[in-house]
C-alpha atoms as a PDB file:
ATOM      1  CA  UNK A   1      21.355 -24.708  15.238  1.00  0.00           C
ATOM      2  CA  UNK A   2      23.052 -23.640  12.030  1.00  0.00           C
ATOM      3  CA  UNK A   3      22.847 -19.854  11.800  1.00  0.00           C
ATOM      4  CA  UNK A   4      23.268 -19.774   8.017  1.00  0.00           C
ATOM      5  CA  UNK A   5      20.026 -21.705   7.495  1.00  0.00           C
ATOM      6  CA  UNK A   6      18.022 -19.234   9.580  1.00  0.00           C
ATOM      7  CA  UNK A   7      19.608 -16.222   7.913  1.00  0.00           C
ATOM      8  CA  UNK A   8      18.921 -17.491   4.397  1.00  0.00           C
ATOM      9  CA  UNK A   9      15.427 -18.715   5.301  1.00  0.00           C
ATOM     10  CA  UNK A  10      14.328 -15.380   6.751  1.00  0.00           C
ATOM     11  CA  UNK A  11      15.867 -13.640   3.734  1.00  0.00           C
ATOM     12  CA  UNK A  12      13.692 -15.762   1.441  1.00  0.00           C
ATOM     13  CA  UNK A  13      10.589 -14.863   3.464  1.00  0.00           C
ATOM     14  CA  UNK A  14      11.363 -11.152   3.086  1.00  0.00           C
ATOM     15  CA  UNK A  15      11.835 -11.456  -0.677  1.00  0.00           C
ATOM     16  CA  UNK A  16       8.599 -13.407  -0.967  1.00  0.00           C
ATOM     17  CA  UNK A  17       6.678 -10.689   0.852  1.00  0.00           C
ATOM     18  CA  UNK A  18       8.288  -8.074  -1.419  1.00  0.00           C
ATOM     19  CA  UNK A  19       7.166 -10.083  -4.435  1.00  0.00           C
ATOM     20  CA  UNK A  20       3.611 -10.188  -3.072  1.00  0.00           C
ATOM     21  CA  UNK A  21       3.605  -6.374  -2.892  1.00  0.00           C
ATOM     22  CA  UNK A  22       5.038  -6.040  -6.397  1.00  0.00           C
ATOM     23  CA  UNK A  23       2.496  -8.384  -7.962  1.00  0.00           C
ATOM     24  CA  UNK A  24      -0.337  -6.516  -6.241  1.00  0.00           C
ATOM     25  CA  UNK A  25       1.046  -3.237  -7.576  1.00  0.00           C
ATOM     26  CA  UNK A  26       1.220  -4.621 -11.117  1.00  0.00           C
ATOM     27  CA  UNK A  27      -2.303  -6.036 -10.842  1.00  0.00           C
ATOM     28  CA  UNK A  28      -3.553  -2.506 -10.088  1.00  0.00           C
ATOM     29  CA  UNK A  29      -1.589  -0.732 -12.807  1.00  0.00           C
ATOM     30  CA  UNK A  30      -4.879   0.396 -14.393  1.00  0.00           C
ATOM     31  CA  UNK A  31      -6.772   1.104 -11.157  1.00  0.00           C
ATOM     32  CA  UNK A  32      -7.690   4.770 -10.855  1.00  0.00           C
ATOM     33  CA  UNK A  33      -6.110   6.485  -7.844  1.00  0.00           C
ATOM     34  CA  UNK A  34      -4.200   3.374  -6.742  1.00  0.00           C
ATOM     35  CA  UNK A  35      -1.148   3.978  -4.519  1.00  0.00           C
ATOM     36  CA  UNK A  36       1.678   1.478  -4.738  1.00  0.00           C
ATOM     37  CA  UNK A  37       2.880  -0.418  -1.689  1.00  0.00           C
ATOM     38  CA  UNK A  38       6.278  -1.466  -0.428  1.00  0.00           C
ATOM     39  CA  UNK A  39       8.031  -2.790   2.644  1.00  0.00           C
ATOM     40  CA  UNK A  40      11.310  -2.419   4.449  1.00  0.00           C
ATOM     41  CA  UNK A  41      13.425  -5.111   6.101  1.00  0.00           C
ATOM     42  CA  UNK A  42      15.174  -5.023   9.448  1.00  0.00           C
ATOM     43  CA  UNK A  43      17.335  -7.527  11.310  1.00  0.00           C
ATOM     44  CA  UNK A  44      16.233  -9.422  14.378  1.00  0.00           C
ATOM     45  CA  UNK A  45      17.590  -8.176  17.671  1.00  0.00           C
ATOM     46  CA  UNK A  46      21.219  -9.123  18.305  1.00  0.00           C
ATOM     47  CA  UNK A  47      21.878 -11.993  20.679  1.00  0.00           C
ATOM     48  CA  UNK A  48      25.095 -12.565  22.643  1.00  0.00           C
ATOM     49  CA  UNK A  49      26.656 -15.898  21.735  1.00  0.00           C
ATOM     50  CA  UNK A  50      28.564 -17.958  24.303  1.00  0.00           C
ATOM     51  CA  UNK A  51      31.178 -20.647  24.007  1.00  0.00           C
ATOM     52  CA  UNK A  52      29.761 -24.083  24.754  1.00  0.00           C
ATOM     53  CA  UNK A  53      31.662 -26.123  27.355  1.00  0.00           C
ATOM     54  CA  UNK A  54      34.271 -23.384  27.758  1.00  0.00           C
ATOM     55  CA  UNK A  55      36.996 -24.729  30.082  1.00  0.00           C
ATOM     56  CA  UNK A  56      39.207 -21.639  30.053  1.00  0.00           C
ATOM     57  CA  UNK A  57      37.360 -20.310  33.111  1.00  0.00           C
ATOM     58  CA  UNK A  58      35.659 -22.826  35.337  1.00  0.00           C
ATOM     59  CA  UNK A  59      31.827 -22.751  35.059  1.00  0.00           C
ATOM     60  CA  UNK A  60      31.909 -19.281  33.498  1.00  0.00           C
ATOM     61  CA  UNK A  61      30.738 -19.169  29.862  1.00  0.00           C
ATOM     62  CA  UNK A  62      32.640 -16.646  27.814  1.00  0.00           C
ATOM     63  CA  UNK A  63      30.910 -14.470  25.227  1.00  0.00           C
ATOM     64  CA  UNK A  64      32.138 -14.612  21.651  1.00  0.00           C
ATOM     65  CA  UNK A  65      30.173 -11.672  20.262  1.00  0.00           C
ATOM     66  CA  UNK A  66      26.746 -10.621  19.048  1.00  0.00           C
ATOM     67  CA  UNK A  67      24.912 -12.474  16.291  1.00  0.00           C
ATOM     68  CA  UNK A  68      21.556 -12.031  14.608  1.00  0.00           C
ATOM     69  CA  UNK A  69      19.259 -14.691  13.233  1.00  0.00           C
ATOM     70  CA  UNK A  70      18.300 -13.043   9.965  1.00  0.00           C
ATOM     71  CA  UNK A  71      15.823 -10.445   8.802  1.00  0.00           C
ATOM     72  CA  UNK A  72      12.152  -9.612   9.289  1.00  0.00           C
ATOM     73  CA  UNK A  73       9.642  -7.132   7.901  1.00  0.00           C
ATOM     74  CA  UNK A  74      10.371  -3.746   9.397  1.00  0.00           C
ATOM     75  CA  UNK A  75       7.516  -1.699   7.981  1.00  0.00           C
ATOM     76  CA  UNK A  76       4.950  -1.817   5.204  1.00  0.00           C
ATOM     77  CA  UNK A  77       4.207   1.515   3.593  1.00  0.00           C
ATOM     78  CA  UNK A  78       2.130   3.212   0.913  1.00  0.00           C
ATOM     79  CA  UNK A  79       3.616   5.644  -1.591  1.00  0.00           C
ATOM     80  CA  UNK A  80       1.220   8.603  -1.475  1.00  0.00           C
ATOM     81  CA  UNK A  81       2.730  10.480  -4.417  1.00  0.00           C
ATOM     82  CA  UNK A  82       0.211  11.749  -6.962  1.00  0.00           C
ATOM     83  CA  UNK A  83      -0.208   9.723 -10.157  1.00  0.00           C
ATOM     84  CA  UNK A  84      -0.428  11.106 -13.673  1.00  0.00           C
ATOM     85  CA  UNK A  85      -3.727  12.500 -14.971  1.00  0.00           C
ATOM     86  CA  UNK A  86      -5.622  10.930 -17.860  1.00  0.00           C
ATOM     87  CA  UNK A  87      -7.819  13.437 -19.706  1.00  0.00           C
ATOM     88  CA  UNK A  88     -11.166  11.763 -20.475  1.00  0.00           C
ATOM     89  CA  UNK A  89     -13.340  14.817 -21.310  1.00  0.00           C
ATOM     90  CA  UNK A  90     -16.130  13.058 -19.409  1.00  0.00           C
ATOM     91  CA  UNK A  91     -17.893  15.618 -17.224  1.00  0.00           C
ATOM     92  CA  UNK A  92     -18.502  12.946 -14.553  1.00  0.00           C
ATOM     93  CA  UNK A  93     -14.775  12.243 -14.098  1.00  0.00           C
ATOM     94  CA  UNK A  94     -12.758  14.166 -11.510  1.00  0.00           C
ATOM     95  CA  UNK A  95      -9.128  14.310 -10.404  1.00  0.00           C
ATOM     96  CA  UNK A  96      -7.828  15.938  -7.216  1.00  0.00           C
ATOM     97  CA  UNK A  97      -5.066  18.366  -8.169  1.00  0.00           C
ATOM     98  CA  UNK A  98      -3.157  18.174  -4.856  1.00  0.00           C
ATOM     99  CA  UNK A  99      -3.377  16.275  -1.589  1.00  0.00           C
ATOM    100  CA  UNK A 100      -6.768  15.096  -0.406  1.00  0.00           C
ATOM    101  CA  UNK A 101      -9.473  12.475  -0.828  1.00  0.00           C
ATOM    102  CA  UNK A 102     -13.056  12.203  -1.996  1.00  0.00           C
ATOM    103  CA  UNK A 103     -15.432  11.078   0.758  1.00  0.00           C
ATOM    104  CA  UNK A 104     -17.610   8.078  -0.093  1.00  0.00           C
ATOM    105  CA  UNK A 105     -20.619   6.701   1.783  1.00  0.00           C
ATOM    106  CA  UNK A 106     -19.931   2.973   1.584  1.00  0.00           C
ATOM    107  CA  UNK A 107     -22.557   0.346   2.447  1.00  0.00           C
ATOM    108  CA  UNK A 108     -21.413  -3.230   3.047  1.00  0.00           C
ATOM    109  CA  UNK A 109     -23.359  -6.457   2.487  1.00  0.00           C
ATOM    110  CA  UNK A 110     -24.755  -6.298   6.027  1.00  0.00           C
ATOM    111  CA  UNK A 111     -26.242  -2.872   5.323  1.00  0.00           C
ATOM    112  CA  UNK A 112     -23.797  -0.999   7.538  1.00  0.00           C
ATOM    113  CA  UNK A 113     -22.711   2.403   6.213  1.00  0.00           C
ATOM    114  CA  UNK A 114     -19.360   4.078   6.813  1.00  0.00           C
ATOM    115  CA  UNK A 115     -17.212   6.769   5.233  1.00  0.00           C
ATOM    116  CA  UNK A 116     -14.347   5.683   2.990  1.00  0.00           C
ATOM    117  CA  UNK A 117     -11.690   7.796   1.306  1.00  0.00           C
ATOM    118  CA  UNK A 118     -10.519   7.513  -2.277  1.00  0.00           C
ATOM    119  CA  UNK A 119      -8.775   9.430  -5.057  1.00  0.00           C
ATOM    120  CA  UNK A 120     -10.739   7.590  -7.742  1.00  0.00           C
ATOM    121  CA  UNK A 121     -13.016  10.215  -9.247  1.00  0.00           C
ATOM    122  CA  UNK A 122     -14.768   8.036 -11.844  1.00  0.00           C
ATOM    123  CA  UNK A 123     -18.290   9.006 -10.816  1.00  0.00           C
ATOM    124  CA  UNK A 124     -21.717   8.844 -12.403  1.00  0.00           C
ATOM    125  CA  UNK A 125     -25.070  10.576 -11.923  1.00  0.00           C
ATOM    126  CA  UNK A 126     -28.079   8.270 -11.578  1.00  0.00           C
ATOM    127  CA  UNK A 127     -31.549   8.974 -12.974  1.00  0.00           C
ATOM    128  CA  UNK A 128     -32.441  10.828  -9.775  1.00  0.00           C
ATOM    129  CA  UNK A 129     -29.447  13.140 -10.220  1.00  0.00           C
ATOM    130  CA  UNK A 130     -27.438  11.679  -7.309  1.00  0.00           C
ATOM    131  CA  UNK A 131     -23.662  11.339  -7.600  1.00  0.00           C
ATOM    132  CA  UNK A 132     -22.435   7.757  -7.173  1.00  0.00           C
ATOM    133  CA  UNK A 133     -19.229   5.795  -7.619  1.00  0.00           C
ATOM    134  CA  UNK A 134     -18.905   3.130 -10.309  1.00  0.00           C
ATOM    135  CA  UNK A 135     -19.878   0.580  -7.608  1.00  0.00           C
ATOM    136  CA  UNK A 136     -23.035   2.484  -6.695  1.00  0.00           C
ATOM    137  CA  UNK A 137     -21.903   4.113  -3.437  1.00  0.00           C
ATOM    138  CA  UNK A 138     -22.841   7.728  -2.734  1.00  0.00           C
ATOM    139  CA  UNK A 139     -20.329  10.537  -3.223  1.00  0.00           C
ATOM    140  CA  UNK A 140     -20.501  13.026  -0.355  1.00  0.00           C
ATOM    141  CA  UNK A 141     -20.427  16.804  -0.441  1.00  0.00           C
ATOM    142  CA  UNK A 142     -18.365  18.982   1.902  1.00  0.00           C
ATOM    143  CA  UNK A 143     -21.052  18.778   4.604  1.00  0.00           C
ATOM    144  CA  UNK A 144     -21.211  14.987   4.430  1.00  0.00           C
ATOM    145  CA  UNK A 145     -24.513  14.765   2.531  1.00  0.00           C
ATOM    146  CA  UNK A 146     -25.406  13.388  -0.874  1.00  0.00           C
ATOM    147  CA  UNK A 147     -24.835  15.424  -4.026  1.00  0.00           C
ATOM    148  CA  UNK A 148     -27.965  15.909  -6.131  1.00  0.00           C
ATOM    149  CA  UNK A 149     -28.231  17.797  -9.428  1.00  0.00           C
ATOM    150  CA  UNK A 150     -30.508  17.894 -12.467  1.00  0.00           C
ATOM    151  CA  UNK A 151     -29.512  14.745 -14.382  1.00  0.00           C
ATOM    152  CA  UNK A 152     -30.734  16.198 -17.673  1.00  0.00           C
ATOM    153  CA  UNK A 153     -28.524  19.293 -17.637  1.00  0.00           C
ATOM    154  CA  UNK A 154     -24.746  19.615 -18.126  1.00  0.00           C
ATOM    155  CA  UNK A 155     -22.685  20.935 -15.237  1.00  0.00           C
ATOM    156  CA  UNK A 156     -19.220  22.260 -14.472  1.00  0.00           C
ATOM    157  CA  UNK A 157     -16.919  22.634 -11.444  1.00  0.00           C
ATOM    158  CA  UNK A 158     -15.395  25.932 -10.331  1.00  0.00           C
ATOM    159  CA  UNK A 159     -12.160  26.530  -8.410  1.00  0.00           C
ATOM    160  CA  UNK A 160     -13.897  26.050  -5.053  1.00  0.00           C
ATOM    161  CA  UNK A 161     -15.257  22.638  -6.130  1.00  0.00           C
ATOM    162  CA  UNK A 162     -18.783  24.043  -6.493  1.00  0.00           C
ATOM    163  CA  UNK A 163     -21.077  22.387  -9.037  1.00  0.00           C
ATOM    164  CA  UNK A 164     -22.534  24.915 -11.492  1.00  0.00           C
ATOM    165  CA  UNK A 165     -25.717  24.311 -13.490  1.00  0.00           C
ATOM    166  CA  UNK A 166     -27.499  27.008 -15.480  1.00  0.00           C
ATOM    167  CA  UNK A 167     -25.197  29.603 -13.926  1.00  0.00           C
ATOM    168  CA  UNK A 168     -26.108  28.667 -10.358  1.00  0.00           C
ATOM    169  CA  UNK A 169     -24.334  26.717  -7.615  1.00  0.00           C
ATOM    170  CA  UNK A 170     -26.328  23.539  -7.001  1.00  0.00           C
ATOM    171  CA  UNK A 171     -23.855  21.596  -4.862  1.00  0.00           C
ATOM    172  CA  UNK A 172     -20.208  20.879  -4.218  1.00  0.00           C
ATOM    173  CA  UNK A 173     -17.724  18.013  -4.334  1.00  0.00           C
ATOM    174  CA  UNK A 174     -16.481  17.085  -0.877  1.00  0.00           C
ATOM    175  CA  UNK A 175     -12.696  16.788  -0.569  1.00  0.00           C
ATOM    176  CA  UNK A 176     -10.771  16.493   2.703  1.00  0.00           C
ATOM    177  CA  UNK A 177      -7.192  15.759   3.642  1.00  0.00           C
ATOM    178  CA  UNK A 178      -5.898  13.618   6.505  1.00  0.00           C
ATOM    179  CA  UNK A 179      -3.624  15.076   9.165  1.00  0.00           C
ATOM    180  CA  UNK A 180      -1.456  11.940   9.330  1.00  0.00           C
ATOM    181  CA  UNK A 181      -1.618   9.348   6.548  1.00  0.00           C
ATOM    182  CA  UNK A 182      -0.353   6.680   8.957  1.00  0.00           C
ATOM    183  CA  UNK A 183      -3.930   6.532  10.240  1.00  0.00           C
ATOM    184  CA  UNK A 184      -5.237   5.447   6.835  1.00  0.00           C
ATOM    185  CA  UNK A 185      -5.842   1.742   6.364  1.00  0.00           C
ATOM    186  CA  UNK A 186      -6.382   0.059   3.009  1.00  0.00           C
ATOM    187  CA  UNK A 187      -9.904  -1.005   2.132  1.00  0.00           C
ATOM    188  CA  UNK A 188     -10.141  -2.673  -1.257  1.00  0.00           C
ATOM    189  CA  UNK A 189      -8.134  -1.584  -4.267  1.00  0.00           C
ATOM    190  CA  UNK A 190      -8.231   2.192  -3.960  1.00  0.00           C
ATOM    191  CA  UNK A 191     -10.331   3.077  -0.912  1.00  0.00           C
ATOM    192  CA  UNK A 192      -9.109   3.692   2.614  1.00  0.00           C
ATOM    193  CA  UNK A 193     -10.476   3.635   6.155  1.00  0.00           C
ATOM    194  CA  UNK A 194      -9.614   6.260   8.745  1.00  0.00           C
ATOM    195  CA  UNK A 195      -8.667   4.303  11.865  1.00  0.00           C
ATOM    196  CA  UNK A 196      -9.118   5.495  15.436  1.00  0.00           C
ATOM    197  CA  UNK A 197      -6.936   8.516  16.137  1.00  0.00           C
ATOM    198  CA  UNK A 198      -7.012   9.783  12.548  1.00  0.00           C
ATOM    199  CA  UNK A 199      -8.274  13.272  11.844  1.00  0.00           C
ATOM    200  CA  UNK A 200      -9.764  14.952   8.786  1.00  0.00           C
ATOM    201  CA  UNK A 201      -8.454  18.407   7.924  1.00  0.00           C
ATOM    202  CA  UNK A 202      -9.772  20.983   5.488  1.00  0.00           C
ATOM    203  CA  UNK A 203      -8.053  21.498   2.161  1.00  0.00           C
ATOM    204  CA  UNK A 204      -8.498  24.067  -0.595  1.00  0.00           C
ATOM    205  CA  UNK A 205      -7.077  21.826  -3.323  1.00  0.00           C
ATOM    206  CA  UNK A 206      -8.894  22.081  -6.628  1.00  0.00           C
ATOM    207  CA  UNK A 207     -10.721  19.366  -8.541  1.00  0.00           C
ATOM    208  CA  UNK A 208     -10.157  18.949 -12.273  1.00  0.00           C
ATOM    209  CA  UNK A 209     -13.224  17.957 -14.264  1.00  0.00           C
ATOM    210  CA  UNK A 210     -12.876  15.618 -17.232  1.00  0.00           C
ATOM    211  CA  UNK A 211      -9.756  13.842 -15.945  1.00  0.00           C
ATOM    212  CA  UNK A 212      -8.838  10.857 -13.774  1.00  0.00           C
ATOM    213  CA  UNK A 213      -5.787  10.195 -11.638  1.00  0.00           C
ATOM    214  CA  UNK A 214      -4.099   6.979 -12.691  1.00  0.00           C
ATOM    215  CA  UNK A 215      -2.069   4.587 -10.552  1.00  0.00           C
ATOM    216  CA  UNK A 216       1.185   6.112  -9.323  1.00  0.00           C
ATOM    217  CA  UNK A 217       3.200   2.974 -10.058  1.00  0.00           C
ATOM    218  CA  UNK A 218       5.561   2.613 -13.008  1.00  0.00           C
ATOM    219  CA  UNK A 219       5.260  -0.790 -14.666  1.00  0.00           C
ATOM    220  CA  UNK A 220       8.875  -0.809 -15.879  1.00  0.00           C
ATOM    221  CA  UNK A 221      10.220   0.054 -12.417  1.00  0.00           C
ATOM    222  CA  UNK A 222       8.115  -2.677 -10.818  1.00  0.00           C
ATOM    223  CA  UNK A 223       9.307  -5.261 -13.358  1.00  0.00           C
ATOM    224  CA  UNK A 224      12.940  -4.318 -12.742  1.00  0.00           C
ATOM    225  CA  UNK A 225      12.350  -4.619  -9.003  1.00  0.00           C
ATOM    226  CA  UNK A 226      10.776  -8.047  -9.519  1.00  0.00           C
ATOM    227  CA  UNK A 227      13.948  -9.231 -11.251  1.00  0.00           C
ATOM    228  CA  UNK A 228      16.057  -7.920  -8.359  1.00  0.00           C
ATOM    229  CA  UNK A 229      13.824  -9.644  -5.800  1.00  0.00           C
ATOM    230  CA  UNK A 230      13.913 -12.927  -7.753  1.00  0.00           C
ATOM    231  CA  UNK A 231      17.694 -12.916  -7.840  1.00  0.00           C
ATOM    232  CA  UNK A 232      17.903 -12.168  -4.118  1.00  0.00           C
ATOM    233  CA  UNK A 233      15.518 -15.062  -3.448  1.00  0.00           C
ATOM    234  CA  UNK A 234      17.654 -17.404  -5.563  1.00  0.00           C
ATOM    235  CA  UNK A 235      20.813 -16.231  -3.767  1.00  0.00           C
ATOM    236  CA  UNK A 236      19.281 -17.208  -0.433  1.00  0.00           C
ATOM    237  CA  UNK A 237      18.305 -20.577  -1.899  1.00  0.00           C
ATOM    238  CA  UNK A 238      21.914 -21.200  -2.902  1.00  0.00           C
ATOM    239  CA  UNK A 239      23.070 -20.336   0.620  1.00  0.00           C
ATOM    240  CA  UNK A 240      20.707 -22.962   2.036  1.00  0.00           C
ATOM    241  CA  UNK A 241      21.931 -25.522  -0.500  1.00  0.00           C
ATOM    242  CA  UNK A 242      25.567 -24.747   0.368  1.00  0.00           C
ATOM    243  CA  UNK A 243      24.944 -25.045   4.107  1.00  0.00           C
ATOM    244  CA  UNK A 244      22.971 -28.229   3.574  1.00  0.00           C
ATOM    245  CA  UNK A 245      25.851 -29.690   1.583  1.00  0.00           C
ATOM    246  CA  UNK A 246      28.291 -28.781   4.340  1.00  0.00           C
ATOM    247  CA  UNK A 247      26.099 -30.424   6.982  1.00  0.00           C
ATOM    248  CA  UNK A 248      25.786 -33.544   4.850  1.00  0.00           C
ATOM    249  CA  UNK A 249      29.567 -33.840   4.600  1.00  0.00           C
ATOM    250  CA  UNK A 250      29.931 -33.252   8.330  1.00  0.00           C
ATOM    251  CA  UNK A 251      27.448 -36.026   9.077  1.00  0.00           C
ATOM    252  CA  UNK A 252      28.581 -38.584   6.520  1.00  0.00           C
ATOM    253  CA  UNK A 253      32.315 -37.954   6.096  1.00  0.00           C
ATOM    254  CA  UNK A 254      33.910 -36.002   8.960  1.00  0.00           C
ATOM    255  CA  UNK A 255      35.323 -38.432  11.464  1.00  0.00           C
ATOM    256  CA  UNK A 256      34.738 -41.394   9.165  1.00  0.00           C
ATOM    257  CA  UNK A 257      37.222 -44.162   9.809  1.00  0.00           C
ATOM    258  CA  UNK A 258      38.874 -45.292   6.567  1.00  0.00           C
END
């Protein structure tokens, strides 16, 4: 085994996975409420190396120190920082001012319904006055039910997320926070599942009407990071080429009788 090959190879795998995250981030630069992703690298566990055929002490291999065989993915993570707000002046658009998520009743192709969480507040009101997402899923109120208003009348949102029509409260926008974001799992571009062990918590964060939260990624930063990752990938390639050249010389030239 040539350790340099393994070290460079695993380094290339890490950089490739980083590039996958970066390209996904860039692809969602215009996705409302999208949270960029990243990953960290860690080394494999150290292994104690021994001298082979060590004759200094009979039948007792002598250690020469710890080595590691390269790097692996340590952790994938989501950057939960809040993105910038885009003022649309559309009364059906909403942005969460602080931490929290809208609750969505999502129905899959098999007809199974579950609650998803999103910060994308690009909603619409159908002809029956029911709040829906752009994909047609129902937006839930604080009690977990559907939100229904008069579709022919304008409405506004107060500081407690209540929906006001004709001077009266006719509903509310449901927003909850999650006790530990590590229990959120990605579902699609900007929706999340709450996995087993996760817990909803109440939040008094306000909702801004007529605005949308944009992706929290910076295109320039991601492009700069892509250049860095590409160069690191190429550096690992050169290591493999150098080791390969050394092995070739060892096989074809070392010990060659002139």
